[in-house]
Amino acid sequence: MSKLHLTADLGFSDGKYHVGLSLVEFEEENVTIIYSPALDLSGYGYNQDEARNSFSEALKEFFRYTNNKNTLYQVLENLGWLVNGSKKKPRFNPPKDSELIAKNPVYNDIVNNKSYKVSREEVEFAF
């Protein structure tokens, strides 16, 4: 198992979400999967580009849905994020990697049983 340092951050300004996520990439049955443990979202495809596009769509849908339902804070808190600050300047702190591995059986399985790599991605989503 490689040493893994998971980080994620989420900010909001000018009608846009700015997201920095560590993404875990692995293969299963000849399918590339890109997974964000901090958001419990994944995308997949027959190659890395397809998987990244799929993940990007899942992330956009996550923000669109939680924004329309006004549930982003609640969903993030349910995922273990600490949400504080004001409505105009919210602060979001993701759960620690050790917490995610202990509480998330999917992520625990990836870390302990699969060959994977981690990349940091910056994503912007306007609504």
C-alpha atoms as a PDB file:
ATOM      1  CA  MET A   1       0.000   0.000   0.000  1.00  0.00           C
ATOM      2  CA  SER A   2       1.375   3.399  -0.925  1.00  0.00           C
ATOM      3  CA  LYS A   3       1.363   6.241   1.538  1.00  0.00           C
ATOM      4  CA  LEU A   4      -1.748   8.318   0.933  1.00  0.00           C
ATOM      5  CA  HIS A   5      -2.437  11.861   1.970  1.00  0.00           C
ATOM      6  CA  LEU A   6      -5.995  12.863   1.166  1.00  0.00           C
ATOM      7  CA  THR A   7      -6.916  16.516   1.017  1.00  0.00           C
ATOM      8  CA  ALA A   8      -9.992  18.323  -0.173  1.00  0.00           C
ATOM      9  CA  ASP A   9     -11.304  21.825   0.073  1.00  0.00           C
ATOM     10  CA  LEU A  10     -14.408  23.601  -1.109  1.00  0.00           C
ATOM     11  CA  GLY A  11     -14.981  27.322  -1.510  1.00  0.00           C
ATOM     12  CA  PHE A  12     -17.742  29.491  -2.880  1.00  0.00           C
ATOM     13  CA  SER A  13     -17.525  32.877  -4.569  1.00  0.00           C
ATOM     14  CA  ASP A  14     -19.155  34.770  -7.435  1.00  0.00           C
ATOM     15  CA  GLY A  15     -21.800  32.090  -7.962  1.00  0.00           C
ATOM     16  CA  LYS A  16     -19.190  29.373  -8.396  1.00  0.00           C
ATOM     17  CA  TYR A  17     -18.031  26.426  -6.351  1.00  0.00           C
ATOM     18  CA  HIS A  18     -14.258  25.989  -6.364  1.00  0.00           C
ATOM     19  CA  VAL A  19     -13.271  22.485  -5.405  1.00  0.00           C
ATOM     20  CA  GLY A  20      -9.873  20.953  -4.770  1.00  0.00           C
ATOM     21  CA  LEU A  21     -10.151  17.196  -4.420  1.00  0.00           C
ATOM     22  CA  SER A  22      -7.839  14.264  -4.187  1.00  0.00           C
ATOM     23  CA  LEU A  23      -9.107  11.612  -6.536  1.00  0.00           C
ATOM     24  CA  VAL A  24      -8.319   7.930  -6.252  1.00  0.00           C
ATOM     25  CA  GLU A  25      -7.913   6.103  -9.549  1.00  0.00           C
ATOM     26  CA  PHE A  26      -7.984   2.318  -9.858  1.00  0.00           C
ATOM     27  CA  GLU A  27      -9.067  -0.396 -12.265  1.00  0.00           C
ATOM     28  CA  GLU A  28     -11.640  -3.105 -11.769  1.00  0.00           C
ATOM     29  CA  GLU A  29     -12.589  -5.628 -14.459  1.00  0.00           C
ATOM     30  CA  ASN A  30     -10.896  -3.538 -17.197  1.00  0.00           C
ATOM     31  CA  VAL A  31     -12.816  -0.395 -16.208  1.00  0.00           C
ATOM     32  CA  THR A  32     -11.040   2.714 -14.908  1.00  0.00           C
ATOM     33  CA  ILE A  33     -12.730   4.195 -11.860  1.00  0.00           C
ATOM     34  CA  ILE A  34     -12.069   7.629 -10.409  1.00  0.00           C
ATOM     35  CA  TYR A  35     -13.372   8.029  -6.874  1.00  0.00           C
ATOM     36  CA  SER A  36     -13.552  10.937  -4.448  1.00  0.00           C
ATOM     37  CA  PRO A  37     -13.707   9.530  -0.903  1.00  0.00           C
ATOM     38  CA  ALA A  38     -14.422  12.987   0.556  1.00  0.00           C
ATOM     39  CA  LEU A  39     -17.621  13.271  -1.524  1.00  0.00           C
ATOM     40  CA  ASP A  40     -18.286   9.541  -2.013  1.00  0.00           C
ATOM     41  CA  LEU A  41     -18.609  10.145  -5.769  1.00  0.00           C
ATOM     42  CA  SER A  42     -17.174   8.164  -8.642  1.00  0.00           C
ATOM     43  CA  GLY A  43     -16.920   8.130 -12.408  1.00  0.00           C
ATOM     44  CA  TYR A  44     -15.869   5.330 -14.691  1.00  0.00           C
ATOM     45  CA  GLY A  45     -14.895   4.530 -18.249  1.00  0.00           C
ATOM     46  CA  TYR A  46     -12.839   2.255 -20.440  1.00  0.00           C
ATOM     47  CA  ASN A  47      -9.905   4.686 -20.186  1.00  0.00           C
ATOM     48  CA  GLN A  48      -8.771   7.554 -17.970  1.00  0.00           C
ATOM     49  CA  ASP A  49     -10.358  10.272 -20.147  1.00  0.00           C
ATOM     50  CA  GLU A  50     -13.769   8.566 -20.090  1.00  0.00           C
ATOM     51  CA  ALA A  51     -13.497   8.071 -16.324  1.00  0.00           C
ATOM     52  CA  ARG A  52     -12.547  11.724 -15.746  1.00  0.00           C
ATOM     53  CA  ASN A  53     -15.435  12.926 -17.926  1.00  0.00           C
ATOM     54  CA  SER A  54     -17.815  10.637 -16.067  1.00  0.00           C
ATOM     55  CA  PHE A  55     -16.533  11.891 -12.704  1.00  0.00           C
ATOM     56  CA  SER A  56     -16.858  15.501 -13.851  1.00  0.00           C
ATOM     57  CA  GLU A  57     -20.500  14.895 -14.766  1.00  0.00           C
ATOM     58  CA  ALA A  58     -21.170  13.233 -11.401  1.00  0.00           C
ATOM     59  CA  LEU A  59     -19.579  16.182  -9.598  1.00  0.00           C
ATOM     60  CA  LYS A  60     -21.601  18.737 -11.574  1.00  0.00           C
ATOM     61  CA  GLU A  61     -24.783  16.815 -10.857  1.00  0.00           C
ATOM     62  CA  PHE A  62     -23.877  16.643  -7.155  1.00  0.00           C
ATOM     63  CA  PHE A  63     -23.519  20.432  -6.969  1.00  0.00           C
ATOM     64  CA  ARG A  64     -26.551  21.105  -9.167  1.00  0.00           C
ATOM     65  CA  TYR A  65     -28.766  18.829  -7.094  1.00  0.00           C
ATOM     66  CA  THR A  66     -27.570  19.979  -3.662  1.00  0.00           C
ATOM     67  CA  ASN A  67     -27.763  23.618  -4.767  1.00  0.00           C
ATOM     68  CA  ASN A  68     -31.310  23.233  -6.117  1.00  0.00           C
ATOM     69  CA  LYS A  69     -32.430  21.402  -2.982  1.00  0.00           C
ATOM     70  CA  ASN A  70     -30.446  23.744  -0.706  1.00  0.00           C
ATOM     71  CA  THR A  71     -28.853  20.720   0.987  1.00  0.00           C
ATOM     72  CA  LEU A  72     -25.117  21.142   0.295  1.00  0.00           C
ATOM     73  CA  TYR A  73     -24.187  21.901   3.917  1.00  0.00           C
ATOM     74  CA  GLN A  74     -26.291  19.026   5.246  1.00  0.00           C
ATOM     75  CA  VAL A  75     -24.898  16.540   2.698  1.00  0.00           C
ATOM     76  CA  LEU A  76     -21.307  17.571   3.424  1.00  0.00           C
ATOM     77  CA  GLU A  77     -21.881  17.275   7.171  1.00  0.00           C
ATOM     78  CA  ASN A  78     -23.360  13.806   6.628  1.00  0.00           C
ATOM     79  CA  LEU A  79     -20.157  12.913   4.754  1.00  0.00           C
ATOM     80  CA  GLY A  80     -18.098  14.006   7.770  1.00  0.00           C
ATOM     81  CA  TRP A  81     -17.157  17.537   6.677  1.00  0.00           C
ATOM     82  CA  LEU A  82     -17.075  20.373   9.223  1.00  0.00           C
ATOM     83  CA  VAL A  83     -19.074  23.302   7.888  1.00  0.00           C
ATOM     84  CA  ASN A  84     -18.725  26.678   9.559  1.00  0.00           C
ATOM     85  CA  GLY A  85     -18.336  30.353   8.733  1.00  0.00           C
ATOM     86  CA  SER A  86     -21.113  32.551   7.396  1.00  0.00           C
ATOM     87  CA  LYS A  87     -23.516  32.068   4.486  1.00  0.00           C
ATOM     88  CA  LYS A  88     -21.499  34.596   2.474  1.00  0.00           C
ATOM     89  CA  LYS A  89     -18.128  33.097   3.435  1.00  0.00           C
ATOM     90  CA  PRO A  90     -18.655  29.471   4.368  1.00  0.00           C
ATOM     91  CA  ARG A  91     -15.729  27.297   5.373  1.00  0.00           C
ATOM     92  CA  PHE A  92     -15.663  23.627   4.600  1.00  0.00           C
ATOM     93  CA  ASN A  93     -13.181  21.217   6.167  1.00  0.00           C
ATOM     94  CA  PRO A  94     -13.164  17.639   4.893  1.00  0.00           C
ATOM     95  CA  PRO A  95     -12.842  14.590   7.098  1.00  0.00           C
ATOM     96  CA  LYS A  96      -9.352  13.255   7.676  1.00  0.00           C
ATOM     97  CA  ASP A  97      -8.110  10.398   5.563  1.00  0.00           C
ATOM     98  CA  SER A  98      -7.942   8.068   8.561  1.00  0.00           C
ATOM     99  CA  GLU A  99     -11.605   8.822   9.335  1.00  0.00           C
ATOM    100  CA  LEU A 100     -12.619   8.148   5.737  1.00  0.00           C
ATOM    101  CA  ILE A 101     -10.790   4.827   5.625  1.00  0.00           C
ATOM    102  CA  ALA A 102     -12.321   3.739   8.949  1.00  0.00           C
ATOM    103  CA  LYS A 103     -15.895   4.784   8.140  1.00  0.00           C
ATOM    104  CA  ASN A 104     -16.114   4.175   4.391  1.00  0.00           C
ATOM    105  CA  PRO A 105     -15.991   0.466   3.461  1.00  0.00           C
ATOM    106  CA  VAL A 106     -15.565   1.246  -0.253  1.00  0.00           C
ATOM    107  CA  TYR A 107     -12.538   3.433   0.381  1.00  0.00           C
ATOM    108  CA  ASN A 108     -11.157   0.982   2.931  1.00  0.00           C
ATOM    109  CA  ASP A 109     -11.337  -1.785   0.320  1.00  0.00           C
ATOM    110  CA  ILE A 110      -9.575   0.371  -2.296  1.00  0.00           C
ATOM    111  CA  VAL A 111      -6.730   1.309   0.057  1.00  0.00           C
ATOM    112  CA  ASN A 112      -6.238  -2.192   1.441  1.00  0.00           C
ATOM    113  CA  ASN A 113      -6.922  -4.403  -1.581  1.00  0.00           C
ATOM    114  CA  LYS A 114      -6.377  -2.547  -4.831  1.00  0.00           C
ATOM    115  CA  SER A 115      -3.570  -0.941  -6.747  1.00  0.00           C
ATOM    116  CA  TYR A 116      -4.437   2.770  -6.938  1.00  0.00           C
ATOM    117  CA  LYS A 117      -2.996   6.208  -7.496  1.00  0.00           C
ATOM    118  CA  VAL A 118      -4.043   9.588  -6.146  1.00  0.00           C
ATOM    119  CA  SER A 119      -4.154  12.909  -7.980  1.00  0.00           C
ATOM    120  CA  ARG A 120      -5.156  16.381  -6.877  1.00  0.00           C
ATOM    121  CA  GLU A 121      -7.664  18.099  -9.130  1.00  0.00           C
ATOM    122  CA  GLU A 122      -8.994  21.651  -9.097  1.00  0.00           C
ATOM    123  CA  VAL A 123     -12.566  21.900 -10.350  1.00  0.00           C
ATOM    124  CA  GLU A 124     -14.829  24.931 -10.849  1.00  0.00           C
ATOM    125  CA  PHE A 125     -18.574  24.651 -11.199  1.00  0.00           C
ATOM    126  CA  ALA A 126     -20.869  27.590 -11.944  1.00  0.00           C
ATOM    127  CA  PHE A 127     -24.605  27.450 -11.400  1.00  0.00           C
END
